[in-house]
Amino acid sequence: ILYNGRITTLDPDYPEASNLAIGGGRILGLDEGEEYADIST
């Protein structure tokens, strides 16, 4: 989980985020870091 950033996604539907979750080598979610943290190992 990357957090406290200024994340430019280049996705017109969601252009900016402050945190990002990664799993299995892919992007899992944006701006839902704590939700992923609760279920992560």
PDB file of all heavy atoms in Angstrom:
ATOM      1  N   ILE A   1       0.857  -1.185   0.000  1.00  0.00           N
ATOM      2  CA  ILE A   1       0.000   0.000   0.000  1.00  0.00           C
ATOM      3  C   ILE A   1       0.893   1.235   0.000  1.00  0.00           C
ATOM      4  O   ILE A   1       1.776   1.379   0.858  1.00  0.00           O
ATOM      5  CB  ILE A   1      -0.935   0.020   1.224  1.00  0.00           C
ATOM      6  CG1 ILE A   1      -1.907  -1.161   1.152  1.00  0.00           C
ATOM      7  CG2 ILE A   1      -1.704   1.338   1.290  1.00  0.00           C
ATOM      8  CD1 ILE A   1      -2.754  -1.336   2.389  1.00  0.00           C
ATOM      9  N   LEU A   2       0.694   2.098  -0.973  1.00  0.00           N
ATOM     10  CA  LEU A   2       1.367   3.387  -1.041  1.00  0.00           C
ATOM     11  C   LEU A   2       0.377   4.438  -0.583  1.00  0.00           C
ATOM     12  O   LEU A   2      -0.763   4.465  -1.051  1.00  0.00           O
ATOM     13  CB  LEU A   2       1.809   3.688  -2.484  1.00  0.00           C
ATOM     14  CG  LEU A   2       2.635   2.626  -3.214  1.00  0.00           C
ATOM     15  CD1 LEU A   2       2.947   3.084  -4.640  1.00  0.00           C
ATOM     16  CD2 LEU A   2       3.920   2.325  -2.471  1.00  0.00           C
ATOM     17  N   TYR A   3       0.822   5.323   0.308  1.00  0.00           N
ATOM     18  CA  TYR A   3      -0.118   6.323   0.819  1.00  0.00           C
ATOM     19  C   TYR A   3       0.574   7.674   0.973  1.00  0.00           C
ATOM     20  O   TYR A   3       1.789   7.791   0.899  1.00  0.00           O
ATOM     21  CB  TYR A   3      -0.720   5.862   2.142  1.00  0.00           C
ATOM     22  CG  TYR A   3       0.259   5.785   3.300  1.00  0.00           C
ATOM     23  CD1 TYR A   3       0.379   6.825   4.226  1.00  0.00           C
ATOM     24  CD2 TYR A   3       1.061   4.659   3.476  1.00  0.00           C
ATOM     25  CE1 TYR A   3       1.276   6.758   5.282  1.00  0.00           C
ATOM     26  CE2 TYR A   3       1.957   4.571   4.528  1.00  0.00           C
ATOM     27  CZ  TYR A   3       2.059   5.628   5.429  1.00  0.00           C
ATOM     28  OH  TYR A   3       2.947   5.556   6.471  1.00  0.00           O
ATOM     29  N   ASN A   4      -0.251   8.692   1.166  1.00  0.00           N
ATOM     30  CA  ASN A   4       0.226  10.061   1.353  1.00  0.00           C
ATOM     31  C   ASN A   4       1.009  10.544   0.133  1.00  0.00           C
ATOM     32  O   ASN A   4       2.085  11.124   0.247  1.00  0.00           O
ATOM     33  CB  ASN A   4       1.096  10.154   2.620  1.00  0.00           C
ATOM     34  CG  ASN A   4       1.431  11.599   2.978  1.00  0.00           C
ATOM     35  OD1 ASN A   4       0.714  12.536   2.593  1.00  0.00           O
ATOM     36  ND2 ASN A   4       2.526  11.804   3.699  1.00  0.00           N
ATOM     37  N   GLY A   5       0.454  10.283  -1.053  1.00  0.00           N
ATOM     38  CA  GLY A   5       1.106  10.718  -2.275  1.00  0.00           C
ATOM     39  C   GLY A   5       0.190  11.564  -3.138  1.00  0.00           C
ATOM     40  O   GLY A   5      -1.003  11.735  -2.837  1.00  0.00           O
ATOM     41  N   ARG A   6       0.738  12.096  -4.198  1.00  0.00           N
ATOM     42  CA  ARG A   6      -0.036  12.788  -5.236  1.00  0.00           C
ATOM     43  C   ARG A   6       0.072  11.921  -6.476  1.00  0.00           C
ATOM     44  O   ARG A   6       1.036  12.020  -7.239  1.00  0.00           O
ATOM     45  CB  ARG A   6       0.509  14.193  -5.471  1.00  0.00           C
ATOM     46  CG  ARG A   6       0.245  15.147  -4.306  1.00  0.00           C
ATOM     47  CD  ARG A   6       0.875  16.499  -4.554  1.00  0.00           C
ATOM     48  NE  ARG A   6       2.337  16.400  -4.506  1.00  0.00           N
ATOM     49  CZ  ARG A   6       3.148  17.381  -4.866  1.00  0.00           C
ATOM     50  NH1 ARG A   6       2.658  18.514  -5.343  1.00  0.00           N
ATOM     51  NH2 ARG A   6       4.461  17.228  -4.781  1.00  0.00           N
ATOM     52  N   ILE A   7      -0.906  11.052  -6.649  1.00  0.00           N
ATOM     53  CA  ILE A   7      -0.841   9.993  -7.649  1.00  0.00           C
ATOM     54  C   ILE A   7      -1.620  10.419  -8.892  1.00  0.00           C
ATOM     55  O   ILE A   7      -2.834  10.630  -8.833  1.00  0.00           O
ATOM     56  CB  ILE A   7      -1.402   8.680  -7.088  1.00  0.00           C
ATOM     57  CG1 ILE A   7      -0.613   8.254  -5.843  1.00  0.00           C
ATOM     58  CG2 ILE A   7      -1.375   7.586  -8.147  1.00  0.00           C
ATOM     59  CD1 ILE A   7      -1.225   7.086  -5.078  1.00  0.00           C
ATOM     60  N   THR A   8      -0.904  10.561  -9.998  1.00  0.00           N
ATOM     61  CA  THR A   8      -1.520  10.861 -11.289  1.00  0.00           C
ATOM     62  C   THR A   8      -1.787   9.537 -11.988  1.00  0.00           C
ATOM     63  O   THR A   8      -0.846   8.827 -12.355  1.00  0.00           O
ATOM     64  CB  THR A   8      -0.599  11.743 -12.145  1.00  0.00           C
ATOM     65  OG1 THR A   8      -0.416  12.998 -11.485  1.00  0.00           O
ATOM     66  CG2 THR A   8      -1.196  11.981 -13.526  1.00  0.00           C
ATOM     67  N   THR A   9      -3.048   9.208 -12.189  1.00  0.00           N
ATOM     68  CA  THR A   9      -3.403   7.896 -12.734  1.00  0.00           C
ATOM     69  C   THR A   9      -3.454   7.871 -14.259  1.00  0.00           C
ATOM     70  O   THR A   9      -3.319   6.818 -14.859  1.00  0.00           O
ATOM     71  CB  THR A   9      -4.778   7.458 -12.218  1.00  0.00           C
ATOM     72  OG1 THR A   9      -5.786   8.305 -12.787  1.00  0.00           O
ATOM     73  CG2 THR A   9      -4.850   7.520 -10.695  1.00  0.00           C
ATOM     74  N   LEU A  10      -3.683   9.029 -14.887  1.00  0.00           N
ATOM     75  CA  LEU A  10      -3.951   9.149 -16.322  1.00  0.00           C
ATOM     76  C   LEU A  10      -5.230   8.418 -16.728  1.00  0.00           C
ATOM     77  O   LEU A  10      -5.485   8.186 -17.916  1.00  0.00           O
ATOM     78  CB  LEU A  10      -2.771   8.666 -17.167  1.00  0.00           C
ATOM     79  CG  LEU A  10      -1.486   9.491 -17.034  1.00  0.00           C
ATOM     80  CD1 LEU A  10      -0.405   8.940 -17.959  1.00  0.00           C
ATOM     81  CD2 LEU A  10      -1.735  10.966 -17.335  1.00  0.00           C
ATOM     82  N   ASP A  11      -6.051   8.074 -15.769  1.00  0.00           N
ATOM     83  CA  ASP A  11      -7.386   7.520 -16.015  1.00  0.00           C
ATOM     84  C   ASP A  11      -8.378   8.676 -15.947  1.00  0.00           C
ATOM     85  O   ASP A  11      -8.563   9.261 -14.873  1.00  0.00           O
ATOM     86  CB  ASP A  11      -7.714   6.471 -14.958  1.00  0.00           C
ATOM     87  CG  ASP A  11      -9.116   5.883 -15.114  1.00  0.00           C
ATOM     88  OD1 ASP A  11      -9.819   6.253 -16.093  1.00  0.00           O
ATOM     89  OD2 ASP A  11      -9.515   5.074 -14.264  1.00  0.00           O
ATOM     90  N   PRO A  12      -9.015   9.058 -17.059  1.00  0.00           N
ATOM     91  CA  PRO A  12      -9.925  10.215 -17.031  1.00  0.00           C
ATOM     92  C   PRO A  12     -11.085  10.051 -16.068  1.00  0.00           C
ATOM     93  O   PRO A  12     -11.656  11.041 -15.604  1.00  0.00           O
ATOM     94  CB  PRO A  12     -10.399  10.318 -18.488  1.00  0.00           C
ATOM     95  CG  PRO A  12     -10.125   8.984 -19.097  1.00  0.00           C
ATOM     96  CD  PRO A  12      -8.928   8.454 -18.388  1.00  0.00           C
ATOM     97  N   ASP A  13     -11.431   8.820 -15.742  1.00  0.00           N
ATOM     98  CA  ASP A  13     -12.535   8.598 -14.809  1.00  0.00           C
ATOM     99  C   ASP A  13     -12.122   8.780 -13.353  1.00  0.00           C
ATOM    100  O   ASP A  13     -12.994   8.934 -12.477  1.00  0.00           O
ATOM    101  CB  ASP A  13     -13.111   7.190 -14.996  1.00  0.00           C
ATOM    102  CG  ASP A  13     -13.758   6.997 -16.356  1.00  0.00           C
ATOM    103  OD1 ASP A  13     -14.293   7.992 -16.901  1.00  0.00           O
ATOM    104  OD2 ASP A  13     -13.703   5.875 -16.885  1.00  0.00           O
ATOM    105  N   TYR A  14     -10.819   8.737 -13.089  1.00  0.00           N
ATOM    106  CA  TYR A  14     -10.330   8.894 -11.704  1.00  0.00           C
ATOM    107  C   TYR A  14      -8.902   9.407 -11.785  1.00  0.00           C
ATOM    108  O   TYR A  14      -7.937   8.669 -11.560  1.00  0.00           O
ATOM    109  CB  TYR A  14     -10.394   7.547 -10.973  1.00  0.00           C
ATOM    110  CG  TYR A  14     -10.497   7.675  -9.469  1.00  0.00           C
ATOM    111  CD1 TYR A  14     -11.736   7.718  -8.838  1.00  0.00           C
ATOM    112  CD2 TYR A  14      -9.358   7.763  -8.681  1.00  0.00           C
ATOM    113  CE1 TYR A  14     -11.837   7.819  -7.457  1.00  0.00           C
ATOM    114  CE2 TYR A  14      -9.437   7.880  -7.305  1.00  0.00           C
ATOM    115  CZ  TYR A  14     -10.679   7.916  -6.699  1.00  0.00           C
ATOM    116  OH  TYR A  14     -10.783   8.030  -5.332  1.00  0.00           O
ATOM    117  N   PRO A  15      -8.710  10.677 -12.122  1.00  0.00           N
ATOM    118  CA  PRO A  15      -7.380  11.182 -12.486  1.00  0.00           C
ATOM    119  C   PRO A  15      -6.379  11.321 -11.345  1.00  0.00           C
ATOM    120  O   PRO A  15      -5.178  11.267 -11.580  1.00  0.00           O
ATOM    121  CB  PRO A  15      -7.682  12.538 -13.117  1.00  0.00           C
ATOM    122  CG  PRO A  15      -9.009  12.932 -12.557  1.00  0.00           C
ATOM    123  CD  PRO A  15      -9.773  11.668 -12.351  1.00  0.00           C
ATOM    124  N   GLU A  16      -6.826  11.522 -10.111  1.00  0.00           N
ATOM    125  CA  GLU A  16      -5.914  11.753  -8.990  1.00  0.00           C
ATOM    126  C   GLU A  16      -6.286  10.873  -7.809  1.00  0.00           C
ATOM    127  O   GLU A  16      -7.465  10.588  -7.578  1.00  0.00           O
ATOM    128  CB  GLU A  16      -5.947  13.223  -8.558  1.00  0.00           C
ATOM    129  CG  GLU A  16      -5.345  14.187  -9.571  1.00  0.00           C
ATOM    130  CD  GLU A  16      -3.821  14.188  -9.554  1.00  0.00           C
ATOM    131  OE1 GLU A  16      -3.237  13.841  -8.503  1.00  0.00           O
ATOM    132  OE2 GLU A  16      -3.227  14.527 -10.590  1.00  0.00           O
ATOM    133  N   ALA A  17      -5.276  10.468  -7.060  1.00  0.00           N
ATOM    134  CA  ALA A  17      -5.496   9.682  -5.847  1.00  0.00           C
ATOM    135  C   ALA A  17      -4.404  10.017  -4.852  1.00  0.00           C
ATOM    136  O   ALA A  17      -3.372  10.608  -5.201  1.00  0.00           O
ATOM    137  CB  ALA A  17      -5.497   8.195  -6.162  1.00  0.00           C
ATOM    138  N   SER A  18      -4.626   9.635  -3.600  1.00  0.00           N
ATOM    139  CA  SER A  18      -3.609   9.864  -2.568  1.00  0.00           C
ATOM    140  C   SER A  18      -3.014   8.561  -2.061  1.00  0.00           C
ATOM    141  O   SER A  18      -1.944   8.563  -1.461  1.00  0.00           O
ATOM    142  CB  SER A  18      -4.207  10.642  -1.391  1.00  0.00           C
ATOM    143  OG  SER A  18      -5.249   9.897  -0.777  1.00  0.00           O
ATOM    144  N   ASN A  19      -3.718   7.441  -2.270  1.00  0.00           N
ATOM    145  CA  ASN A  19      -3.134   6.157  -1.916  1.00  0.00           C
ATOM    146  C   ASN A  19      -3.535   5.105  -2.934  1.00  0.00           C
ATOM    147  O   ASN A  19      -4.477   5.292  -3.717  1.00  0.00           O
ATOM    148  CB  ASN A  19      -3.465   5.739  -0.484  1.00  0.00           C
ATOM    149  CG  ASN A  19      -4.956   5.551  -0.256  1.00  0.00           C
ATOM    150  OD1 ASN A  19      -5.570   4.675  -0.860  1.00  0.00           O
ATOM    151  ND2 ASN A  19      -5.532   6.366   0.615  1.00  0.00           N
ATOM    152  N   LEU A  20      -2.803   3.998  -2.894  1.00  0.00           N
ATOM    153  CA  LEU A  20      -2.946   2.993  -3.939  1.00  0.00           C
ATOM    154  C   LEU A  20      -2.592   1.633  -3.350  1.00  0.00           C
ATOM    155  O   LEU A  20      -1.612   1.511  -2.602  1.00  0.00           O
ATOM    156  CB  LEU A  20      -2.020   3.357  -5.098  1.00  0.00           C
ATOM    157  CG  LEU A  20      -1.903   2.485  -6.332  1.00  0.00           C
ATOM    158  CD1 LEU A  20      -1.562   3.356  -7.551  1.00  0.00           C
ATOM    159  CD2 LEU A  20      -0.789   1.448  -6.156  1.00  0.00           C
ATOM    160  N   ALA A  21      -3.392   0.622  -3.678  1.00  0.00           N
ATOM    161  CA  ALA A  21      -3.144  -0.735  -3.187  1.00  0.00           C
ATOM    162  C   ALA A  21      -2.754  -1.644  -4.341  1.00  0.00           C
ATOM    163  O   ALA A  21      -3.337  -1.573  -5.433  1.00  0.00           O
ATOM    164  CB  ALA A  21      -4.385  -1.283  -2.483  1.00  0.00           C
ATOM    165  N   ILE A  22      -1.767  -2.504  -4.087  1.00  0.00           N
ATOM    166  CA  ILE A  22      -1.227  -3.409  -5.100  1.00  0.00           C
ATOM    167  C   ILE A  22      -1.293  -4.835  -4.572  1.00  0.00           C
ATOM    168  O   ILE A  22      -0.953  -5.100  -3.414  1.00  0.00           O
ATOM    169  CB  ILE A  22       0.235  -3.049  -5.424  1.00  0.00           C
ATOM    170  CG1 ILE A  22       0.313  -1.660  -6.062  1.00  0.00           C
ATOM    171  CG2 ILE A  22       0.872  -4.096  -6.336  1.00  0.00           C
ATOM    172  CD1 ILE A  22       1.730  -1.132  -6.190  1.00  0.00           C
ATOM    173  N   GLY A  23      -1.703  -5.754  -5.436  1.00  0.00           N
ATOM    174  CA  GLY A  23      -1.706  -7.168  -5.085  1.00  0.00           C
ATOM    175  C   GLY A  23      -1.530  -8.020  -6.318  1.00  0.00           C
ATOM    176  O   GLY A  23      -2.112  -7.727  -7.372  1.00  0.00           O
ATOM    177  N   GLY A  24      -0.728  -9.068  -6.214  1.00  0.00           N
ATOM    178  CA  GLY A  24      -0.518  -9.949  -7.345  1.00  0.00           C
ATOM    179  C   GLY A  24       0.074  -9.267  -8.558  1.00  0.00           C
ATOM    180  O   GLY A  24      -0.151  -9.696  -9.697  1.00  0.00           O
ATOM    181  N   GLY A  25       0.853  -8.205  -8.352  1.00  0.00           N
ATOM    182  CA  GLY A  25       1.507  -7.503  -9.451  1.00  0.00           C
ATOM    183  C   GLY A  25       0.636  -6.502 -10.173  1.00  0.00           C
ATOM    184  O   GLY A  25       1.088  -5.899 -11.154  1.00  0.00           O
ATOM    185  N   ARG A  26      -0.598  -6.285  -9.697  1.00  0.00           N
ATOM    186  CA  ARG A  26      -1.514  -5.369 -10.374  1.00  0.00           C
ATOM    187  C   ARG A  26      -2.110  -4.360  -9.388  1.00  0.00           C
ATOM    188  O   ARG A  26      -2.049  -4.541  -8.168  1.00  0.00           O
ATOM    189  CB  ARG A  26      -2.635  -6.140 -11.073  1.00  0.00           C
ATOM    190  CG  ARG A  26      -2.115  -7.004 -12.222  1.00  0.00           C
ATOM    191  CD  ARG A  26      -3.218  -7.712 -12.975  1.00  0.00           C
ATOM    192  NE  ARG A  26      -2.665  -8.515 -14.062  1.00  0.00           N
ATOM    193  CZ  ARG A  26      -2.582  -8.110 -15.327  1.00  0.00           C
ATOM    194  NH1 ARG A  26      -3.028  -6.907 -15.661  1.00  0.00           N
ATOM    195  NH2 ARG A  26      -2.072  -8.902 -16.258  1.00  0.00           N
ATOM    196  N   ILE A  27      -2.649  -3.305  -9.958  1.00  0.00           N
ATOM    197  CA  ILE A  27      -3.331  -2.306  -9.146  1.00  0.00           C
ATOM    198  C   ILE A  27      -4.654  -2.895  -8.654  1.00  0.00           C
ATOM    199  O   ILE A  27      -5.458  -3.397  -9.457  1.00  0.00           O
ATOM    200  CB  ILE A  27      -3.611  -1.028  -9.961  1.00  0.00           C
ATOM    201  CG1 ILE A  27      -2.341  -0.494 -10.626  1.00  0.00           C
ATOM    202  CG2 ILE A  27      -4.275   0.030  -9.084  1.00  0.00           C
ATOM    203  CD1 ILE A  27      -1.296  -0.010  -9.675  1.00  0.00           C
ATOM    204  N   LEU A  28      -4.889  -2.837  -7.352  1.00  0.00           N
ATOM    205  CA  LEU A  28      -6.145  -3.325  -6.785  1.00  0.00           C
ATOM    206  C   LEU A  28      -7.148  -2.193  -6.592  1.00  0.00           C
ATOM    207  O   LEU A  28      -8.337  -2.347  -6.894  1.00  0.00           O
ATOM    208  CB  LEU A  28      -5.897  -4.014  -5.438  1.00  0.00           C
ATOM    209  CG  LEU A  28      -5.066  -5.284  -5.445  1.00  0.00           C
ATOM    210  CD1 LEU A  28      -4.920  -5.809  -4.018  1.00  0.00           C
ATOM    211  CD2 LEU A  28      -5.700  -6.343  -6.346  1.00  0.00           C
ATOM    212  N   GLY A  29      -6.691  -1.075  -6.060  1.00  0.00           N
ATOM    213  CA  GLY A  29      -7.630   0.006  -5.775  1.00  0.00           C
ATOM    214  C   GLY A  29      -6.924   1.308  -5.490  1.00  0.00           C
ATOM    215  O   GLY A  29      -5.716   1.352  -5.239  1.00  0.00           O
ATOM    216  N   LEU A  30      -7.696   2.372  -5.554  1.00  0.00           N
ATOM    217  CA  LEU A  30      -7.212   3.725  -5.309  1.00  0.00           C
ATOM    218  C   LEU A  30      -8.048   4.369  -4.222  1.00  0.00           C
ATOM    219  O   LEU A  30      -9.273   4.201  -4.173  1.00  0.00           O
ATOM    220  CB  LEU A  30      -7.307   4.565  -6.588  1.00  0.00           C
ATOM    221  CG  LEU A  30      -6.515   4.041  -7.794  1.00  0.00           C
ATOM    222  CD1 LEU A  30      -7.025   4.676  -9.076  1.00  0.00           C
ATOM    223  CD2 LEU A  30      -5.039   4.335  -7.609  1.00  0.00           C
ATOM    224  N   ASP A  31      -7.368   5.086  -3.340  1.00  0.00           N
ATOM    225  CA  ASP A  31      -8.024   5.829  -2.257  1.00  0.00           C
ATOM    226  C   ASP A  31      -8.848   4.935  -1.346  1.00  0.00           C
ATOM    227  O   ASP A  31      -9.817   5.380  -0.740  1.00  0.00           O
ATOM    228  CB  ASP A  31      -8.898   6.949  -2.828  1.00  0.00           C
ATOM    229  CG  ASP A  31      -8.074   8.132  -3.299  1.00  0.00           C
ATOM    230  OD1 ASP A  31      -6.907   8.251  -2.855  1.00  0.00           O
ATOM    231  OD2 ASP A  31      -8.568   8.929  -4.106  1.00  0.00           O
ATOM    232  N   GLU A  32      -8.463   3.670  -1.270  1.00  0.00           N
ATOM    233  CA  GLU A  32      -9.118   2.748  -0.346  1.00  0.00           C
ATOM    234  C   GLU A  32      -8.075   1.937   0.414  1.00  0.00           C
ATOM    235  O   GLU A  32      -8.257   0.776   0.720  1.00  0.00           O
ATOM    236  CB  GLU A  32     -10.065   1.811  -1.120  1.00  0.00           C
ATOM    237  CG  GLU A  32     -11.198   2.571  -1.795  1.00  0.00           C
ATOM    238  CD  GLU A  32     -12.016   1.689  -2.720  1.00  0.00           C
ATOM    239  OE1 GLU A  32     -11.508   0.614  -3.095  1.00  0.00           O
ATOM    240  OE2 GLU A  32     -13.134   2.072  -3.065  1.00  0.00           O
ATOM    241  N   GLY A  33      -6.965   2.605   0.689  1.00  0.00           N
ATOM    242  CA  GLY A  33      -5.850   1.909   1.301  1.00  0.00           C
ATOM    243  C   GLY A  33      -6.185   1.284   2.633  1.00  0.00           C
ATOM    244  O   GLY A  33      -5.792   0.154   2.921  1.00  0.00           O
ATOM    245  N   GLU A  34      -6.919   2.006   3.477  1.00  0.00           N
ATOM    246  CA  GLU A  34      -7.232   1.465   4.799  1.00  0.00           C
ATOM    247  C   GLU A  34      -8.137   0.249   4.700  1.00  0.00           C
ATOM    248  O   GLU A  34      -8.026  -0.682   5.479  1.00  0.00           O
ATOM    249  CB  GLU A  34      -7.875   2.557   5.658  1.00  0.00           C
ATOM    250  CG  GLU A  34      -6.922   3.686   6.023  1.00  0.00           C
ATOM    251  CD  GLU A  34      -5.624   3.169   6.631  1.00  0.00           C
ATOM    252  OE1 GLU A  34      -5.696   2.297   7.522  1.00  0.00           O
ATOM    253  OE2 GLU A  34      -4.550   3.625   6.209  1.00  0.00           O
ATOM    254  N   GLU A  35      -9.035   0.258   3.727  1.00  0.00           N
ATOM    255  CA  GLU A  35      -9.900  -0.899   3.530  1.00  0.00           C
ATOM    256  C   GLU A  35      -9.078  -2.135   3.194  1.00  0.00           C
ATOM    257  O   GLU A  35      -9.317  -3.229   3.711  1.00  0.00           O
ATOM    258  CB  GLU A  35     -10.899  -0.601   2.414  1.00  0.00           C
ATOM    259  CG  GLU A  35     -11.921  -1.689   2.205  1.00  0.00           C
ATOM    260  CD  GLU A  35     -12.994  -1.287   1.203  1.00  0.00           C
ATOM    261  OE1 GLU A  35     -13.095  -0.089   0.882  1.00  0.00           O
ATOM    262  OE2 GLU A  35     -13.705  -2.188   0.750  1.00  0.00           O
ATOM    263  N   TYR A  36      -8.062  -1.955   2.331  1.00  0.00           N
ATOM    264  CA  TYR A  36      -7.192  -3.072   2.003  1.00  0.00           C
ATOM    265  C   TYR A  36      -6.308  -3.442   3.178  1.00  0.00           C
ATOM    266  O   TYR A  36      -5.999  -4.611   3.394  1.00  0.00           O
ATOM    267  CB  TYR A  36      -6.335  -2.730   0.780  1.00  0.00           C
ATOM    268  CG  TYR A  36      -7.096  -2.818  -0.510  1.00  0.00           C
ATOM    269  CD1 TYR A  36      -7.653  -1.689  -1.087  1.00  0.00           C
ATOM    270  CD2 TYR A  36      -7.280  -4.042  -1.134  1.00  0.00           C
ATOM    271  CE1 TYR A  36      -8.373  -1.775  -2.267  1.00  0.00           C
ATOM    272  CE2 TYR A  36      -7.993  -4.144  -2.320  1.00  0.00           C
ATOM    273  CZ  TYR A  36      -8.538  -3.009  -2.883  1.00  0.00           C
ATOM    274  OH  TYR A  36      -9.253  -3.097  -4.047  1.00  0.00           O
ATOM    275  N   ALA A  37      -5.909  -2.458   3.953  1.00  0.00           N
ATOM    276  CA  ALA A  37      -5.043  -2.731   5.099  1.00  0.00           C
ATOM    277  C   ALA A  37      -5.761  -3.583   6.128  1.00  0.00           C
ATOM    278  O   ALA A  37      -5.159  -4.439   6.775  1.00  0.00           O
ATOM    279  CB  ALA A  37      -4.586  -1.421   5.734  1.00  0.00           C
ATOM    280  N   ASP A  38      -7.062  -3.411   6.276  1.00  0.00           N
ATOM    281  CA  ASP A  38      -7.819  -4.158   7.278  1.00  0.00           C
ATOM    282  C   ASP A  38      -7.854  -5.646   6.967  1.00  0.00           C
ATOM    283  O   ASP A  38      -7.903  -6.470   7.878  1.00  0.00           O
ATOM    284  CB  ASP A  38      -9.251  -3.619   7.360  1.00  0.00           C
ATOM    285  CG  ASP A  38      -9.308  -2.247   8.009  1.00  0.00           C
ATOM    286  OD1 ASP A  38      -8.329  -1.871   8.681  1.00  0.00           O
ATOM    287  OD2 ASP A  38     -10.326  -1.560   7.812  1.00  0.00           O
ATOM    288  N   ILE A  39      -7.844  -5.996   5.668  1.00  0.00           N
ATOM    289  CA  ILE A  39      -7.950  -7.409   5.308  1.00  0.00           C
ATOM    290  C   ILE A  39      -6.611  -8.009   4.875  1.00  0.00           C
ATOM    291  O   ILE A  39      -6.539  -9.179   4.557  1.00  0.00           O
ATOM    292  CB  ILE A  39      -8.987  -7.609   4.176  1.00  0.00           C
ATOM    293  CG1 ILE A  39      -8.503  -6.912   2.887  1.00  0.00           C
ATOM    294  CG2 ILE A  39     -10.355  -7.112   4.571  1.00  0.00           C
ATOM    295  CD1 ILE A  39      -9.367  -7.240   1.680  1.00  0.00           C
ATOM    296  N   SER A  40      -5.594  -7.189   4.850  1.00  0.00           N
ATOM    297  CA  SER A  40      -4.308  -7.693   4.363  1.00  0.00           C
ATOM    298  C   SER A  40      -3.573  -8.455   5.459  1.00  0.00           C
ATOM    299  O   SER A  40      -3.901  -8.366   6.642  1.00  0.00           O
ATOM    300  CB  SER A  40      -3.440  -6.535   3.879  1.00  0.00           C
ATOM    301  OG  SER A  40      -3.181  -5.642   4.938  1.00  0.00           O
ATOM    302  N   THR A  41      -2.581  -9.208   5.028  1.00  0.00           N
ATOM    303  CA  THR A  41      -1.798  -9.980   5.975  1.00  0.00           C
ATOM    304  C   THR A  41      -0.814  -9.070   6.700  1.00  0.00           C
ATOM    305  O   THR A  41      -0.541  -7.962   6.253  1.00  0.00           O
ATOM    306  CB  THR A  41      -1.014 -11.066   5.229  1.00  0.00           C
ATOM    307  OG1 THR A  41      -0.058 -10.424   4.387  1.00  0.00           O
ATOM    308  CG2 THR A  41      -1.932 -11.930   4.377  1.00  0.00           C
TER     309      THR A  41
END
